[in-house]
Amino acid sequence: MREDLPDIRDLPIPDDARPDRRWSPLMLEIAAHIGPPATLRFCDAFGGREIRISRDAARRQFAPVLTDDQGARFAAAFGGERIDVPVAKNAILAARRAGILAAVRSKKLTIGEAAVICRTPRKYLSKLVNGTLEGTGSEPVVPLPAPSTDPRQLDLLTLLDE
């Protein structure tokens, strides 16, 4: 089992994310205007805060997370309101995990590697892969391992062998 695999929290929210039972009514309403992946990115960035949405500055207000078009649609729908942005921890985790589960089902990752990435016990991950439909229809994600050394530094052992 490789220990150099990334943490699931470092994986991006996939573009094929879809609503499920973990989504709150407010998340579903936001998704109707800007789409499910953008909704999860929005909740990931602003979750747990009460925000006031301006009618005219929404594009700038949410520029790091939403595109100009998504910001305009979001402002048209929620402009002038204050909303408590859902934390959406479970929905975000499930969206990131879906690609990992799809990779296990397509034999691109082992259960052990997926357990390290997801930071969950192998038994639980095996139950998700074999006993649920979670991750079906998602694009398999095989995250690259983090580099074990800094490529800018010289390796002393190879220098001694010369």
C-alpha atoms as a PDB file:
ATOM      1  CA  MET A   1       0.000   0.000   0.000  1.00  0.00           C
ATOM      2  CA  ARG A   2       1.341   3.423  -0.934  1.00  0.00           C
ATOM      3  CA  GLU A   3       1.493   6.070   1.748  1.00  0.00           C
ATOM      4  CA  ASP A   4       2.278   8.896  -0.692  1.00  0.00           C
ATOM      5  CA  LEU A   5      -1.284   9.245  -1.966  1.00  0.00           C
ATOM      6  CA  PRO A   6      -3.113  12.571  -1.545  1.00  0.00           C
ATOM      7  CA  ASP A   7      -5.819  13.321   0.977  1.00  0.00           C
ATOM      8  CA  ILE A   8      -9.389  13.359  -0.317  1.00  0.00           C
ATOM      9  CA  ARG A   9      -9.804  16.939   0.939  1.00  0.00           C
ATOM     10  CA  ASP A  10      -7.129  18.027  -1.550  1.00  0.00           C
ATOM     11  CA  LEU A  11      -8.996  16.620  -4.553  1.00  0.00           C
ATOM     12  CA  PRO A  12     -11.058  19.047  -6.643  1.00  0.00           C
ATOM     13  CA  ILE A  13     -14.824  18.818  -6.772  1.00  0.00           C
ATOM     14  CA  PRO A  14     -15.576  16.905  -9.989  1.00  0.00           C
ATOM     15  CA  ASP A  15     -17.470  18.440 -12.885  1.00  0.00           C
ATOM     16  CA  ASP A  16     -19.853  15.473 -12.961  1.00  0.00           C
ATOM     17  CA  ALA A  17     -21.141  15.984  -9.390  1.00  0.00           C
ATOM     18  CA  ARG A  18     -24.862  15.361  -8.978  1.00  0.00           C
ATOM     19  CA  PRO A  19     -27.334  16.084  -6.163  1.00  0.00           C
ATOM     20  CA  ASP A  20     -28.243  13.246  -3.821  1.00  0.00           C
ATOM     21  CA  ARG A  21     -29.967  12.763  -0.469  1.00  0.00           C
ATOM     22  CA  ARG A  22     -27.196  14.698   1.302  1.00  0.00           C
ATOM     23  CA  TRP A  23     -28.196  17.965  -0.380  1.00  0.00           C
ATOM     24  CA  SER A  24     -30.272  20.510   1.531  1.00  0.00           C
ATOM     25  CA  PRO A  25     -33.240  22.286  -0.097  1.00  0.00           C
ATOM     26  CA  LEU A  26     -31.183  25.493  -0.341  1.00  0.00           C
ATOM     27  CA  MET A  27     -28.385  23.633  -2.136  1.00  0.00           C
ATOM     28  CA  LEU A  28     -30.902  22.219  -4.610  1.00  0.00           C
ATOM     29  CA  GLU A  29     -32.291  25.707  -5.213  1.00  0.00           C
ATOM     30  CA  ILE A  30     -28.809  27.135  -5.793  1.00  0.00           C
ATOM     31  CA  ALA A  31     -27.978  24.215  -8.114  1.00  0.00           C
ATOM     32  CA  ALA A  32     -31.054  24.981 -10.203  1.00  0.00           C
ATOM     33  CA  HIS A  33     -29.432  28.323 -11.055  1.00  0.00           C
ATOM     34  CA  ILE A  34     -25.691  27.617 -11.243  1.00  0.00           C
ATOM     35  CA  GLY A  35     -25.408  23.820 -11.523  1.00  0.00           C
ATOM     36  CA  PRO A  36     -24.387  21.108  -9.039  1.00  0.00           C
ATOM     37  CA  PRO A  37     -20.559  21.325  -9.337  1.00  0.00           C
ATOM     38  CA  ALA A  38     -20.588  25.107  -8.899  1.00  0.00           C
ATOM     39  CA  THR A  39     -22.950  24.745  -5.932  1.00  0.00           C
ATOM     40  CA  LEU A  40     -20.524  22.402  -4.181  1.00  0.00           C
ATOM     41  CA  ARG A  41     -17.594  24.710  -4.928  1.00  0.00           C
ATOM     42  CA  PHE A  42     -19.621  27.636  -3.574  1.00  0.00           C
ATOM     43  CA  CYS A  43     -20.497  25.740  -0.382  1.00  0.00           C
ATOM     44  CA  ASP A  44     -16.894  24.589  -0.013  1.00  0.00           C
ATOM     45  CA  ALA A  45     -15.646  28.180  -0.194  1.00  0.00           C
ATOM     46  CA  PHE A  46     -18.369  29.988   1.762  1.00  0.00           C
ATOM     47  CA  GLY A  47     -20.026  27.251   3.847  1.00  0.00           C
ATOM     48  CA  GLY A  48     -20.955  28.115   7.405  1.00  0.00           C
ATOM     49  CA  ARG A  49     -21.196  31.858   6.750  1.00  0.00           C
ATOM     50  CA  GLU A  50     -24.124  34.182   6.436  1.00  0.00           C
ATOM     51  CA  ILE A  51     -23.550  36.215   3.310  1.00  0.00           C
ATOM     52  CA  ARG A  52     -25.374  39.139   1.790  1.00  0.00           C
ATOM     53  CA  ILE A  53     -25.658  38.875  -1.964  1.00  0.00           C
ATOM     54  CA  SER A  54     -25.515  42.200  -3.753  1.00  0.00           C
ATOM     55  CA  ARG A  55     -27.462  42.529  -6.968  1.00  0.00           C
ATOM     56  CA  ASP A  56     -24.717  44.243  -8.917  1.00  0.00           C
ATOM     57  CA  ALA A  57     -21.415  43.034  -7.443  1.00  0.00           C
ATOM     58  CA  ALA A  58     -22.091  39.287  -7.305  1.00  0.00           C
ATOM     59  CA  ARG A  59     -19.686  38.624 -10.157  1.00  0.00           C
ATOM     60  CA  ARG A  60     -16.830  40.197  -8.217  1.00  0.00           C
ATOM     61  CA  GLN A  61     -18.092  38.957  -4.873  1.00  0.00           C
ATOM     62  CA  PHE A  62     -17.827  35.285  -5.872  1.00  0.00           C
ATOM     63  CA  ALA A  63     -15.200  35.551  -8.633  1.00  0.00           C
ATOM     64  CA  PRO A  64     -12.789  32.976  -7.200  1.00  0.00           C
ATOM     65  CA  VAL A  65     -15.520  30.315  -7.143  1.00  0.00           C
ATOM     66  CA  LEU A  66     -18.115  31.154  -9.806  1.00  0.00           C
ATOM     67  CA  THR A  67     -17.675  32.169 -13.425  1.00  0.00           C
ATOM     68  CA  ASP A  68     -19.078  35.525 -14.564  1.00  0.00           C
ATOM     69  CA  ASP A  69     -22.128  33.820 -16.041  1.00  0.00           C
ATOM     70  CA  GLN A  70     -22.762  31.770 -12.897  1.00  0.00           C
ATOM     71  CA  GLY A  71     -22.284  34.881 -10.737  1.00  0.00           C
ATOM     72  CA  ALA A  72     -24.815  36.792 -12.832  1.00  0.00           C
ATOM     73  CA  ARG A  73     -27.378  33.982 -12.596  1.00  0.00           C
ATOM     74  CA  PHE A  74     -26.744  33.641  -8.853  1.00  0.00           C
ATOM     75  CA  ALA A  75     -27.187  37.411  -8.366  1.00  0.00           C
ATOM     76  CA  ALA A  76     -30.399  37.406 -10.399  1.00  0.00           C
ATOM     77  CA  ALA A  77     -31.841  34.636  -8.239  1.00  0.00           C
ATOM     78  CA  PHE A  78     -30.570  35.644  -4.786  1.00  0.00           C
ATOM     79  CA  GLY A  79     -29.616  39.339  -5.133  1.00  0.00           C
ATOM     80  CA  GLY A  80     -30.564  41.478  -2.168  1.00  0.00           C
ATOM     81  CA  GLU A  81     -30.910  38.497   0.167  1.00  0.00           C
ATOM     82  CA  ARG A  82     -28.910  37.170   3.071  1.00  0.00           C
ATOM     83  CA  ILE A  83     -28.389  33.436   3.068  1.00  0.00           C
ATOM     84  CA  ASP A  84     -26.756  31.015   5.447  1.00  0.00           C
ATOM     85  CA  VAL A  85     -24.508  29.027   3.124  1.00  0.00           C
ATOM     86  CA  PRO A  86     -24.700  25.315   3.951  1.00  0.00           C
ATOM     87  CA  VAL A  87     -21.446  23.702   5.060  1.00  0.00           C
ATOM     88  CA  ALA A  88     -22.331  20.681   2.893  1.00  0.00           C
ATOM     89  CA  LYS A  89     -19.476  18.621   4.324  1.00  0.00           C
ATOM     90  CA  ASN A  90     -21.048  15.248   3.548  1.00  0.00           C
ATOM     91  CA  ALA A  91     -22.182  16.233   0.057  1.00  0.00           C
ATOM     92  CA  ILE A  92     -18.728  17.578  -0.828  1.00  0.00           C
ATOM     93  CA  LEU A  93     -17.015  14.486   0.563  1.00  0.00           C
ATOM     94  CA  ALA A  94     -19.364  12.185  -1.373  1.00  0.00           C
ATOM     95  CA  ALA A  95     -18.751  14.115  -4.603  1.00  0.00           C
ATOM     96  CA  ARG A  96     -14.981  13.839  -4.205  1.00  0.00           C
ATOM     97  CA  ARG A  97     -15.258  10.177  -3.192  1.00  0.00           C
ATOM     98  CA  ALA A  98     -17.417   9.236  -6.209  1.00  0.00           C
ATOM     99  CA  GLY A  99     -14.482   9.367  -8.630  1.00  0.00           C
ATOM    100  CA  ILE A 100     -12.341   7.296  -6.271  1.00  0.00           C
ATOM    101  CA  LEU A 101     -15.055   4.633  -6.000  1.00  0.00           C
ATOM    102  CA  ALA A 102     -15.436   4.612  -9.787  1.00  0.00           C
ATOM    103  CA  ALA A 103     -11.662   4.120 -10.105  1.00  0.00           C
ATOM    104  CA  VAL A 104     -11.821   1.128  -7.747  1.00  0.00           C
ATOM    105  CA  ARG A 105     -14.673  -0.394  -9.726  1.00  0.00           C
ATOM    106  CA  SER A 106     -12.722   0.046 -12.973  1.00  0.00           C
ATOM    107  CA  LYS A 107      -9.608  -1.539 -11.370  1.00  0.00           C
ATOM    108  CA  LYS A 108      -7.513   1.643 -11.633  1.00  0.00           C
ATOM    109  CA  LEU A 109      -7.085   1.802  -7.848  1.00  0.00           C
ATOM    110  CA  THR A 110      -7.086  -0.893  -5.192  1.00  0.00           C
ATOM    111  CA  ILE A 111      -9.361  -0.788  -2.167  1.00  0.00           C
ATOM    112  CA  GLY A 112      -6.273  -0.214  -0.010  1.00  0.00           C
ATOM    113  CA  GLU A 113      -5.123   2.780  -2.059  1.00  0.00           C
ATOM    114  CA  ALA A 114      -8.642   4.221  -2.071  1.00  0.00           C
ATOM    115  CA  ALA A 115      -8.860   3.762   1.712  1.00  0.00           C
ATOM    116  CA  VAL A 116      -5.640   5.749   2.138  1.00  0.00           C
ATOM    117  CA  ILE A 117      -6.926   8.554  -0.121  1.00  0.00           C
ATOM    118  CA  CYS A 118     -10.355   8.657   1.551  1.00  0.00           C
ATOM    119  CA  ARG A 119      -8.900   8.234   5.053  1.00  0.00           C
ATOM    120  CA  THR A 120     -11.473   5.569   5.852  1.00  0.00           C
ATOM    121  CA  PRO A 121     -11.195   1.911   6.877  1.00  0.00           C
ATOM    122  CA  ARG A 122     -10.883  -0.592   4.034  1.00  0.00           C
ATOM    123  CA  LYS A 123     -13.951  -2.445   5.284  1.00  0.00           C
ATOM    124  CA  TYR A 124     -16.149   0.652   4.952  1.00  0.00           C
ATOM    125  CA  LEU A 125     -14.800   1.449   1.491  1.00  0.00           C
ATOM    126  CA  SER A 126     -15.319  -2.138   0.394  1.00  0.00           C
ATOM    127  CA  LYS A 127     -18.925  -1.888   1.592  1.00  0.00           C
ATOM    128  CA  LEU A 128     -19.405   1.285  -0.477  1.00  0.00           C
ATOM    129  CA  VAL A 129     -17.898  -0.281  -3.604  1.00  0.00           C
ATOM    130  CA  ASN A 130     -19.667  -3.638  -3.362  1.00  0.00           C
ATOM    131  CA  GLY A 131     -22.911  -2.771  -1.589  1.00  0.00           C
ATOM    132  CA  THR A 132     -23.963   0.646  -2.897  1.00  0.00           C
ATOM    133  CA  LEU A 133     -24.343   2.483  -6.173  1.00  0.00           C
ATOM    134  CA  GLU A 134     -22.328   5.468  -4.937  1.00  0.00           C
ATOM    135  CA  GLY A 135     -19.897   6.596  -7.596  1.00  0.00           C
ATOM    136  CA  THR A 136     -21.565   4.782 -10.483  1.00  0.00           C
ATOM    137  CA  GLY A 137     -21.788   7.015 -13.502  1.00  0.00           C
ATOM    138  CA  SER A 138     -18.861   9.111 -12.285  1.00  0.00           C
ATOM    139  CA  GLU A 139     -15.600   9.540 -14.120  1.00  0.00           C
ATOM    140  CA  PRO A 140     -12.833   7.459 -12.453  1.00  0.00           C
ATOM    141  CA  VAL A 141     -10.267   9.635 -10.680  1.00  0.00           C
ATOM    142  CA  VAL A 142      -6.762   8.368 -10.104  1.00  0.00           C
ATOM    143  CA  PRO A 143      -4.966  11.123  -8.219  1.00  0.00           C
ATOM    144  CA  LEU A 144      -1.247  11.294  -8.730  1.00  0.00           C
ATOM    145  CA  PRO A 145       0.860  10.686  -5.643  1.00  0.00           C
ATOM    146  CA  ALA A 146       2.546  13.660  -4.067  1.00  0.00           C
ATOM    147  CA  PRO A 147       6.224  13.953  -4.943  1.00  0.00           C
ATOM    148  CA  SER A 148       8.336  12.251  -2.284  1.00  0.00           C
ATOM    149  CA  THR A 149      11.225  14.698  -2.667  1.00  0.00           C
ATOM    150  CA  ASP A 150      11.689  18.236  -3.799  1.00  0.00           C
ATOM    151  CA  PRO A 151      12.877  18.048  -7.442  1.00  0.00           C
ATOM    152  CA  ARG A 152      15.021  21.142  -6.896  1.00  0.00           C
ATOM    153  CA  GLN A 153      17.190  19.390  -4.299  1.00  0.00           C
ATOM    154  CA  LEU A 154      20.008  17.030  -5.112  1.00  0.00           C
ATOM    155  CA  ASP A 155      19.882  13.451  -3.921  1.00  0.00           C
ATOM    156  CA  LEU A 156      22.945  12.823  -1.745  1.00  0.00           C
ATOM    157  CA  LEU A 157      22.915   9.059  -2.255  1.00  0.00           C
ATOM    158  CA  THR A 158      23.150   9.342  -6.043  1.00  0.00           C
ATOM    159  CA  LEU A 159      25.955  11.878  -5.677  1.00  0.00           C
ATOM    160  CA  LEU A 160      27.933   9.452  -3.500  1.00  0.00           C
ATOM    161  CA  ASP A 161      27.514   6.630  -6.043  1.00  0.00           C
ATOM    162  CA  GLU A 162      29.261   8.607  -8.775  1.00  0.00           C
END
